[in-house]
Amino acid sequence: MSMSVSFKKTDIYDEWVEEYEIFENLYDAVMFMAVLGYANDSVERQNFRGSKDGVGQGNIRIESFYSNDLYQVIGGCLAYQDTNDPDALVKTELQAKIISQYATGGVAIAQSEFGDISGDPTDAIVNYIDEFEDDPDGTGPSILTQIRENFDNEMLNSDSE
């Protein structure tokens, strides 16, 4: 049986993947939502999979995410940052759950920030991402860089103890 990321699927996924082609496929959009949720400390612990009867629930095999090396690193980093447990780096089932929880939190942010935009939201999304840069000329570290740096610092500190 293949493990999957079960997530709360909303219309925003269809719009961003199929209608506006902001993302090439659904797992790109889910990973973006997970990082967006993490960046905004927006995580849904209870109802992160959609309804119990499957309505509003999406499932993507974890292999789809992990066919992309960057997504495998992001999944591990999110799980580690969320649990502060180094074992989270190798626990694929835990990573799938945490990706789902942060993606649901990210969808709430996306709907709040971009739900009222009529037409293609691409420019608004790019502008929103730019807000996470540290300096005005846009050369500061992105949220992904911050996640990696936090991970590196935690690992260095735990090695020195």
N, C-alpha and C. Protein backbone atom coordinates (compact mmCIF):
# COMPACT_ATOMS: atom_id res chain seq x y z
N MET A 1 0.84 -1.17 0.00
CA MET A 1 0.00 0.00 0.00
C MET A 1 0.89 1.25 0.00
N SER A 2 0.61 2.15 -0.89
CA SER A 2 1.41 3.37 -1.03
C SER A 2 0.93 4.43 -0.06
N MET A 3 1.86 5.12 0.54
CA MET A 3 1.55 6.19 1.47
C MET A 3 1.17 7.43 0.67
N SER A 4 0.25 8.23 1.20
CA SER A 4 -0.15 9.44 0.48
C SER A 4 -0.29 10.62 1.43
N VAL A 5 -0.23 11.79 0.84
CA VAL A 5 -0.50 13.03 1.54
C VAL A 5 -1.98 13.31 1.31
N SER A 6 -2.77 13.23 2.37
CA SER A 6 -4.20 13.55 2.30
C SER A 6 -4.35 14.99 2.75
N PHE A 7 -5.05 15.77 1.96
CA PHE A 7 -5.15 17.20 2.26
C PHE A 7 -6.54 17.71 1.96
N LYS A 8 -6.85 18.86 2.55
CA LYS A 8 -8.14 19.50 2.32
C LYS A 8 -8.08 20.19 0.95
N LYS A 9 -8.82 19.65 0.01
CA LYS A 9 -8.78 20.18 -1.36
C LYS A 9 -9.87 21.22 -1.53
N THR A 10 -9.47 22.40 -1.92
CA THR A 10 -10.41 23.49 -2.16
C THR A 10 -10.32 23.90 -3.62
N ASP A 11 -11.22 24.78 -4.03
CA ASP A 11 -11.25 25.25 -5.42
C ASP A 11 -9.97 25.96 -5.83
N ILE A 12 -9.28 26.53 -4.87
CA ILE A 12 -8.07 27.28 -5.20
C ILE A 12 -7.02 26.39 -5.89
N TYR A 13 -6.97 25.14 -5.53
CA TYR A 13 -6.04 24.21 -6.19
C TYR A 13 -6.37 24.07 -7.67
N ASP A 14 -7.65 23.86 -7.99
CA ASP A 14 -8.05 23.72 -9.39
C ASP A 14 -7.77 25.00 -10.17
N GLU A 15 -8.05 26.14 -9.55
CA GLU A 15 -7.81 27.42 -10.22
C GLU A 15 -6.33 27.61 -10.51
N TRP A 16 -5.49 27.35 -9.52
CA TRP A 16 -4.07 27.63 -9.68
C TRP A 16 -3.36 26.61 -10.57
N VAL A 17 -3.86 25.39 -10.63
CA VAL A 17 -3.21 24.37 -11.45
C VAL A 17 -3.84 24.30 -12.84
N GLU A 18 -5.15 24.19 -12.91
CA GLU A 18 -5.81 23.95 -14.19
C GLU A 18 -6.19 25.23 -14.92
N GLU A 19 -6.77 26.19 -14.21
CA GLU A 19 -7.27 27.39 -14.88
C GLU A 19 -6.15 28.37 -15.22
N TYR A 20 -5.31 28.71 -14.24
CA TYR A 20 -4.28 29.72 -14.46
C TYR A 20 -2.89 29.14 -14.68
N GLU A 21 -2.74 27.84 -14.49
CA GLU A 21 -1.48 27.13 -14.71
C GLU A 21 -0.29 27.78 -13.99
N ILE A 22 -0.56 28.25 -12.77
CA ILE A 22 0.51 28.81 -11.94
C ILE A 22 1.46 27.69 -11.54
N PHE A 23 0.88 26.53 -11.26
CA PHE A 23 1.67 25.34 -10.94
C PHE A 23 1.42 24.29 -12.00
N GLU A 24 2.45 23.51 -12.29
CA GLU A 24 2.34 22.50 -13.33
C GLU A 24 1.42 21.35 -12.91
N ASN A 25 1.46 21.02 -11.63
CA ASN A 25 0.63 19.90 -11.16
C ASN A 25 0.20 20.15 -9.71
N LEU A 26 -0.67 19.29 -9.25
CA LEU A 26 -1.28 19.45 -7.93
C LEU A 26 -0.25 19.36 -6.81
N TYR A 27 0.72 18.44 -6.91
CA TYR A 27 1.66 18.33 -5.80
C TYR A 27 2.56 19.55 -5.68
N ASP A 28 2.82 20.28 -6.78
CA ASP A 28 3.55 21.55 -6.67
C ASP A 28 2.73 22.55 -5.85
N ALA A 29 1.43 22.62 -6.13
CA ALA A 29 0.56 23.55 -5.42
C ALA A 29 0.45 23.18 -3.94
N VAL A 30 0.34 21.89 -3.64
CA VAL A 30 0.24 21.46 -2.24
C VAL A 30 1.52 21.81 -1.49
N MET A 31 2.67 21.58 -2.10
CA MET A 31 3.92 21.91 -1.42
C MET A 31 4.05 23.41 -1.21
N PHE A 32 3.63 24.20 -2.20
CA PHE A 32 3.63 25.65 -2.02
C PHE A 32 2.75 26.04 -0.84
N MET A 33 1.56 25.45 -0.76
CA MET A 33 0.64 25.76 0.34
C MET A 33 1.26 25.37 1.68
N ALA A 34 1.97 24.24 1.71
CA ALA A 34 2.61 23.81 2.96
C ALA A 34 3.67 24.82 3.40
N VAL A 35 4.48 25.29 2.47
CA VAL A 35 5.51 26.28 2.81
C VAL A 35 4.85 27.60 3.19
N LEU A 36 3.79 27.97 2.50
CA LEU A 36 3.04 29.19 2.84
C LEU A 36 2.47 29.08 4.26
N GLY A 37 1.93 27.92 4.59
CA GLY A 37 1.42 27.71 5.94
C GLY A 37 2.53 27.81 6.97
N TYR A 38 3.66 27.18 6.69
CA TYR A 38 4.79 27.25 7.62
C TYR A 38 5.27 28.68 7.78
N ALA A 39 5.42 29.40 6.68
CA ALA A 39 5.94 30.77 6.71
C ALA A 39 5.05 31.69 7.54
N ASN A 40 3.76 31.38 7.60
CA ASN A 40 2.81 32.21 8.33
C ASN A 40 2.38 31.59 9.64
N ASP A 41 3.07 30.54 10.05
CA ASP A 41 2.72 29.82 11.28
C ASP A 41 1.23 29.47 11.29
N SER A 42 0.76 29.01 10.15
CA SER A 42 -0.64 28.62 9.98
C SER A 42 -0.69 27.12 9.71
N VAL A 43 -1.12 26.38 10.72
CA VAL A 43 -1.16 24.93 10.62
C VAL A 43 -2.49 24.45 11.17
N GLU A 44 -3.08 23.48 10.51
CA GLU A 44 -4.36 22.92 10.94
C GLU A 44 -4.13 21.50 11.44
N ARG A 45 -4.25 21.29 12.73
CA ARG A 45 -3.98 19.99 13.33
C ARG A 45 -5.19 19.05 13.30
N GLN A 46 -6.40 19.59 13.29
CA GLN A 46 -7.58 18.75 13.44
C GLN A 46 -8.19 18.32 12.10
N ASN A 47 -8.61 19.25 11.30
CA ASN A 47 -9.36 18.92 10.08
C ASN A 47 -8.51 19.18 8.83
N PHE A 48 -7.31 18.65 8.82
CA PHE A 48 -6.39 18.94 7.72
C PHE A 48 -6.60 18.06 6.50
N ARG A 49 -7.47 17.07 6.61
CA ARG A 49 -7.68 16.14 5.49
C ARG A 49 -8.99 16.37 4.75
N GLY A 50 -9.76 17.35 5.13
CA GLY A 50 -11.07 17.50 4.52
C GLY A 50 -12.09 16.69 5.31
N SER A 51 -13.26 16.54 4.76
CA SER A 51 -14.32 15.86 5.50
C SER A 51 -14.07 14.36 5.59
N LYS A 52 -14.67 13.74 6.58
CA LYS A 52 -14.48 12.30 6.82
C LYS A 52 -15.05 11.44 5.70
N ASP A 53 -16.03 11.96 4.97
CA ASP A 53 -16.61 11.17 3.88
C ASP A 53 -15.85 11.35 2.57
N GLY A 54 -14.72 12.05 2.63
CA GLY A 54 -13.89 12.20 1.45
C GLY A 54 -14.22 13.42 0.60
N VAL A 55 -15.35 14.10 0.89
CA VAL A 55 -15.70 15.29 0.14
C VAL A 55 -14.71 16.40 0.52
N GLY A 56 -14.12 17.01 -0.48
CA GLY A 56 -13.14 18.05 -0.22
C GLY A 56 -11.79 17.51 0.20
N GLN A 57 -11.59 16.22 -0.02
CA GLN A 57 -10.32 15.61 0.36
C GLN A 57 -9.54 15.24 -0.89
N GLY A 58 -8.26 15.56 -0.88
CA GLY A 58 -7.38 15.17 -1.96
C GLY A 58 -6.32 14.22 -1.44
N ASN A 59 -5.82 13.39 -2.29
CA ASN A 59 -4.75 12.46 -1.94
C ASN A 59 -3.72 12.44 -3.05
N ILE A 60 -2.49 12.54 -2.67
CA ILE A 60 -1.38 12.45 -3.63
C ILE A 60 -0.36 11.49 -3.04
N ARG A 61 0.07 10.54 -3.83
CA ARG A 61 1.09 9.61 -3.35
C ARG A 61 2.36 10.37 -2.97
N ILE A 62 2.94 9.99 -1.87
CA ILE A 62 4.15 10.67 -1.38
C ILE A 62 5.28 10.58 -2.39
N GLU A 63 5.30 9.52 -3.20
CA GLU A 63 6.33 9.36 -4.22
C GLU A 63 6.31 10.51 -5.22
N SER A 64 5.14 11.08 -5.47
CA SER A 64 5.04 12.22 -6.39
C SER A 64 5.82 13.40 -5.85
N PHE A 65 5.69 13.65 -4.55
CA PHE A 65 6.45 14.74 -3.93
C PHE A 65 7.94 14.42 -3.94
N TYR A 66 8.26 13.21 -3.58
CA TYR A 66 9.65 12.86 -3.37
C TYR A 66 10.39 12.49 -4.65
N SER A 67 9.71 12.57 -5.79
CA SER A 67 10.42 12.44 -7.05
C SER A 67 11.19 13.74 -7.32
N ASN A 68 10.87 14.78 -6.59
CA ASN A 68 11.56 16.06 -6.66
C ASN A 68 12.44 16.17 -5.41
N ASP A 69 13.75 16.20 -5.60
CA ASP A 69 14.68 16.23 -4.46
C ASP A 69 14.43 17.40 -3.53
N LEU A 70 14.11 18.55 -4.09
CA LEU A 70 13.85 19.73 -3.26
C LEU A 70 12.64 19.49 -2.36
N TYR A 71 11.60 18.88 -2.89
CA TYR A 71 10.41 18.62 -2.09
C TYR A 71 10.69 17.60 -0.99
N GLN A 72 11.57 16.67 -1.27
CA GLN A 72 11.95 15.70 -0.24
C GLN A 72 12.65 16.42 0.91
N VAL A 73 13.52 17.36 0.57
CA VAL A 73 14.23 18.15 1.59
C VAL A 73 13.23 19.03 2.36
N ILE A 74 12.32 19.67 1.63
CA ILE A 74 11.33 20.53 2.29
C ILE A 74 10.46 19.71 3.24
N GLY A 75 10.00 18.54 2.80
CA GLY A 75 9.19 17.67 3.66
C GLY A 75 9.92 17.30 4.93
N GLY A 76 11.18 16.94 4.80
CA GLY A 76 11.98 16.61 5.98
C GLY A 76 12.19 17.81 6.89
N CYS A 77 12.47 18.95 6.27
CA CYS A 77 12.69 20.17 7.07
C CYS A 77 11.43 20.61 7.80
N LEU A 78 10.30 20.56 7.11
CA LEU A 78 9.04 20.93 7.77
C LEU A 78 8.77 20.02 8.96
N ALA A 79 8.97 18.72 8.76
CA ALA A 79 8.73 17.77 9.84
C ALA A 79 9.69 18.01 11.00
N TYR A 80 10.94 18.25 10.68
CA TYR A 80 11.92 18.50 11.73
C TYR A 80 11.60 19.79 12.49
N GLN A 81 11.31 20.87 11.75
CA GLN A 81 11.00 22.14 12.40
C GLN A 81 9.74 22.03 13.26
N ASP A 82 8.79 21.25 12.81
CA ASP A 82 7.53 21.12 13.53
C ASP A 82 7.70 20.30 14.81
N THR A 83 8.52 19.26 14.76
CA THR A 83 8.64 18.34 15.89
C THR A 83 9.91 18.53 16.71
N ASN A 84 10.92 19.17 16.11
CA ASN A 84 12.24 19.31 16.72
C ASN A 84 12.85 17.93 17.04
N ASP A 85 12.48 16.96 16.24
CA ASP A 85 12.96 15.59 16.41
C ASP A 85 13.76 15.19 15.17
N PRO A 86 15.06 14.94 15.29
CA PRO A 86 15.86 14.56 14.12
C PRO A 86 15.33 13.33 13.39
N ASP A 87 14.63 12.43 14.09
CA ASP A 87 14.05 11.26 13.43
C ASP A 87 12.99 11.65 12.40
N ALA A 88 12.42 12.83 12.52
CA ALA A 88 11.41 13.30 11.57
C ALA A 88 11.99 13.43 10.16
N LEU A 89 13.29 13.53 10.08
CA LEU A 89 13.94 13.66 8.76
C LEU A 89 13.81 12.39 7.93
N VAL A 90 13.55 11.27 8.57
CA VAL A 90 13.45 10.00 7.85
C VAL A 90 12.09 9.33 7.99
N LYS A 91 11.20 9.90 8.75
CA LYS A 91 9.86 9.33 8.96
C LYS A 91 8.91 9.88 7.89
N THR A 92 8.81 9.15 6.80
CA THR A 92 8.01 9.60 5.67
C THR A 92 6.54 9.78 6.03
N GLU A 93 6.00 8.88 6.84
CA GLU A 93 4.59 8.99 7.23
C GLU A 93 4.35 10.27 8.03
N LEU A 94 5.25 10.61 8.92
CA LEU A 94 5.14 11.85 9.69
C LEU A 94 5.27 13.06 8.76
N GLN A 95 6.19 13.00 7.83
CA GLN A 95 6.36 14.10 6.88
C GLN A 95 5.09 14.32 6.07
N ALA A 96 4.46 13.24 5.62
CA ALA A 96 3.22 13.35 4.85
C ALA A 96 2.13 14.04 5.67
N LYS A 97 2.02 13.67 6.94
CA LYS A 97 1.01 14.28 7.81
C LYS A 97 1.29 15.77 8.02
N ILE A 98 2.54 16.12 8.24
CA ILE A 98 2.89 17.52 8.51
C ILE A 98 2.74 18.37 7.25
N ILE A 99 3.09 17.82 6.09
CA ILE A 99 2.85 18.54 4.83
C ILE A 99 1.36 18.84 4.71
N SER A 100 0.53 17.84 5.00
CA SER A 100 -0.93 18.02 4.93
C SER A 100 -1.41 19.11 5.87
N GLN A 101 -0.91 19.10 7.10
CA GLN A 101 -1.35 20.07 8.10
C GLN A 101 -0.96 21.49 7.72
N TYR A 102 0.27 21.67 7.26
CA TYR A 102 0.70 23.01 6.86
C TYR A 102 0.05 23.43 5.55
N ALA A 103 -0.20 22.50 4.63
CA ALA A 103 -0.87 22.85 3.38
C ALA A 103 -2.27 23.36 3.65
N THR A 104 -2.97 22.76 4.61
CA THR A 104 -4.31 23.23 4.96
C THR A 104 -4.23 24.64 5.56
N GLY A 105 -3.23 24.87 6.40
CA GLY A 105 -3.01 26.22 6.92
C GLY A 105 -2.67 27.20 5.81
N GLY A 106 -1.88 26.74 4.85
CA GLY A 106 -1.50 27.59 3.72
C GLY A 106 -2.68 27.93 2.82
N VAL A 107 -3.59 26.99 2.65
CA VAL A 107 -4.79 27.26 1.85
C VAL A 107 -5.61 28.36 2.49
N ALA A 108 -5.71 28.35 3.81
CA ALA A 108 -6.45 29.41 4.50
C ALA A 108 -5.81 30.77 4.23
N ILE A 109 -4.49 30.83 4.26
CA ILE A 109 -3.78 32.08 3.96
C ILE A 109 -4.02 32.48 2.51
N ALA A 110 -3.88 31.52 1.59
CA ALA A 110 -4.06 31.81 0.16
C ALA A 110 -5.47 32.32 -0.11
N GLN A 111 -6.47 31.71 0.49
CA GLN A 111 -7.84 32.17 0.27
C GLN A 111 -8.05 33.56 0.83
N SER A 112 -7.43 33.84 1.96
CA SER A 112 -7.54 35.17 2.56
C SER A 112 -6.83 36.23 1.71
N GLU A 113 -5.65 35.90 1.23
CA GLU A 113 -4.84 36.86 0.48
C GLU A 113 -5.26 37.01 -0.98
N PHE A 114 -5.68 35.91 -1.60
CA PHE A 114 -5.88 35.91 -3.05
C PHE A 114 -7.30 35.54 -3.47
N GLY A 115 -8.17 35.22 -2.53
CA GLY A 115 -9.50 34.75 -2.86
C GLY A 115 -10.38 35.77 -3.54
N ASP A 116 -10.13 37.04 -3.29
CA ASP A 116 -10.97 38.09 -3.87
C ASP A 116 -10.44 38.64 -5.19
N ILE A 117 -9.32 38.11 -5.65
CA ILE A 117 -8.72 38.61 -6.89
C ILE A 117 -9.50 38.05 -8.07
N SER A 118 -9.94 38.94 -8.94
CA SER A 118 -10.60 38.47 -10.16
C SER A 118 -9.54 38.34 -11.24
N GLY A 119 -9.56 37.23 -11.93
CA GLY A 119 -8.57 37.00 -12.97
C GLY A 119 -7.35 36.28 -12.42
N ASP A 120 -6.30 36.31 -13.18
CA ASP A 120 -5.07 35.59 -12.88
C ASP A 120 -4.38 36.17 -11.64
N PRO A 121 -4.19 35.36 -10.59
CA PRO A 121 -3.57 35.85 -9.36
C PRO A 121 -2.04 35.77 -9.34
N THR A 122 -1.41 35.43 -10.46
CA THR A 122 0.04 35.20 -10.48
C THR A 122 0.82 36.39 -9.94
N ASP A 123 0.55 37.60 -10.43
CA ASP A 123 1.30 38.77 -9.98
C ASP A 123 1.13 39.01 -8.48
N ALA A 124 -0.08 38.82 -7.99
CA ALA A 124 -0.33 39.01 -6.55
C ALA A 124 0.45 37.98 -5.73
N ILE A 125 0.54 36.75 -6.23
CA ILE A 125 1.30 35.71 -5.52
C ILE A 125 2.78 36.06 -5.50
N VAL A 126 3.31 36.50 -6.63
CA VAL A 126 4.73 36.88 -6.70
C VAL A 126 5.01 38.04 -5.76
N ASN A 127 4.15 39.04 -5.73
CA ASN A 127 4.33 40.17 -4.82
C ASN A 127 4.29 39.72 -3.37
N TYR A 128 3.39 38.81 -3.06
CA TYR A 128 3.29 38.30 -1.70
C TYR A 128 4.57 37.57 -1.29
N ILE A 129 5.10 36.75 -2.18
CA ILE A 129 6.35 36.03 -1.90
C ILE A 129 7.50 37.01 -1.68
N ASP A 130 7.53 38.08 -2.47
CA ASP A 130 8.59 39.08 -2.32
C ASP A 130 8.59 39.72 -0.93
N GLU A 131 7.44 39.75 -0.26
CA GLU A 131 7.37 40.32 1.08
C GLU A 131 8.20 39.53 2.08
N PHE A 132 8.51 38.28 1.77
CA PHE A 132 9.30 37.46 2.68
C PHE A 132 10.80 37.68 2.53
N GLU A 133 11.20 38.52 1.60
CA GLU A 133 12.62 38.82 1.45
C GLU A 133 13.03 39.82 2.52
N ASP A 134 14.24 39.68 3.01
CA ASP A 134 14.70 40.50 4.14
C ASP A 134 15.06 41.93 3.78
N ASP A 135 15.54 42.15 2.58
CA ASP A 135 15.95 43.50 2.24
C ASP A 135 15.18 44.01 1.03
N PRO A 136 15.11 45.34 0.89
CA PRO A 136 14.26 45.93 -0.14
C PRO A 136 14.66 45.60 -1.57
N ASP A 137 15.93 45.27 -1.83
CA ASP A 137 16.31 44.99 -3.21
C ASP A 137 16.09 43.53 -3.58
N GLY A 138 15.51 42.75 -2.67
CA GLY A 138 15.12 41.39 -3.00
C GLY A 138 16.24 40.37 -2.99
N THR A 139 17.37 40.66 -2.36
CA THR A 139 18.47 39.71 -2.35
C THR A 139 18.57 38.94 -1.04
N GLY A 140 17.65 39.19 -0.11
CA GLY A 140 17.67 38.50 1.18
C GLY A 140 17.23 37.05 1.04
N PRO A 141 17.38 36.30 2.10
CA PRO A 141 17.05 34.87 2.03
C PRO A 141 15.55 34.62 1.94
N SER A 142 15.17 33.64 1.16
CA SER A 142 13.77 33.26 1.05
C SER A 142 13.40 32.38 2.24
N ILE A 143 12.13 32.10 2.38
CA ILE A 143 11.68 31.26 3.49
C ILE A 143 12.33 29.88 3.42
N LEU A 144 12.55 29.37 2.21
CA LEU A 144 13.20 28.07 2.09
C LEU A 144 14.64 28.14 2.60
N THR A 145 15.31 29.23 2.32
CA THR A 145 16.66 29.41 2.84
C THR A 145 16.63 29.49 4.36
N GLN A 146 15.63 30.17 4.90
CA GLN A 146 15.51 30.28 6.35
C GLN A 146 15.27 28.92 6.98
N ILE A 147 14.43 28.10 6.37
CA ILE A 147 14.19 26.76 6.89
C ILE A 147 15.50 25.97 6.92
N ARG A 148 16.23 26.02 5.81
CA ARG A 148 17.50 25.29 5.73
C ARG A 148 18.49 25.82 6.77
N GLU A 149 18.60 27.14 6.92
CA GLU A 149 19.53 27.71 7.89
C GLU A 149 19.14 27.31 9.32
N ASN A 150 17.86 27.33 9.63
CA ASN A 150 17.41 26.89 10.96
C ASN A 150 17.78 25.45 11.20
N PHE A 151 17.58 24.62 10.20
CA PHE A 151 17.92 23.21 10.31
C PHE A 151 19.43 23.05 10.53
N ASP A 152 20.24 23.76 9.72
CA ASP A 152 21.70 23.66 9.88
C ASP A 152 22.13 24.10 11.27
N ASN A 153 21.57 25.19 11.77
CA ASN A 153 21.94 25.70 13.08
C ASN A 153 21.54 24.72 14.18
N GLU A 154 20.35 24.15 14.09
CA GLU A 154 19.91 23.17 15.10
C GLU A 154 20.82 21.95 15.11
N MET A 155 21.18 21.48 13.93
CA MET A 155 22.03 20.29 13.85
C MET A 155 23.43 20.58 14.40
N LEU A 156 23.96 21.77 14.09
CA LEU A 156 25.28 22.13 14.61
C LEU A 156 25.24 22.24 16.12
N ASN A 157 24.19 22.84 16.65
CA ASN A 157 24.07 22.98 18.10
C ASN A 157 23.91 21.63 18.78
N SER A 158 23.17 20.70 18.17
CA SER A 158 22.98 19.40 18.80
C SER A 158 24.26 18.56 18.73
N ASP A 159 25.09 18.78 17.70
CA ASP A 159 26.37 18.06 17.59
C ASP A 159 27.37 18.51 18.64
N SER A 160 27.28 19.79 19.05
CA SER A 160 28.26 20.32 19.98
C SER A 160 27.92 20.01 21.43
N GLU A 161 26.72 19.49 21.67
CA GLU A 161 26.31 19.19 23.05
C GLU A 161 26.85 17.87 23.53
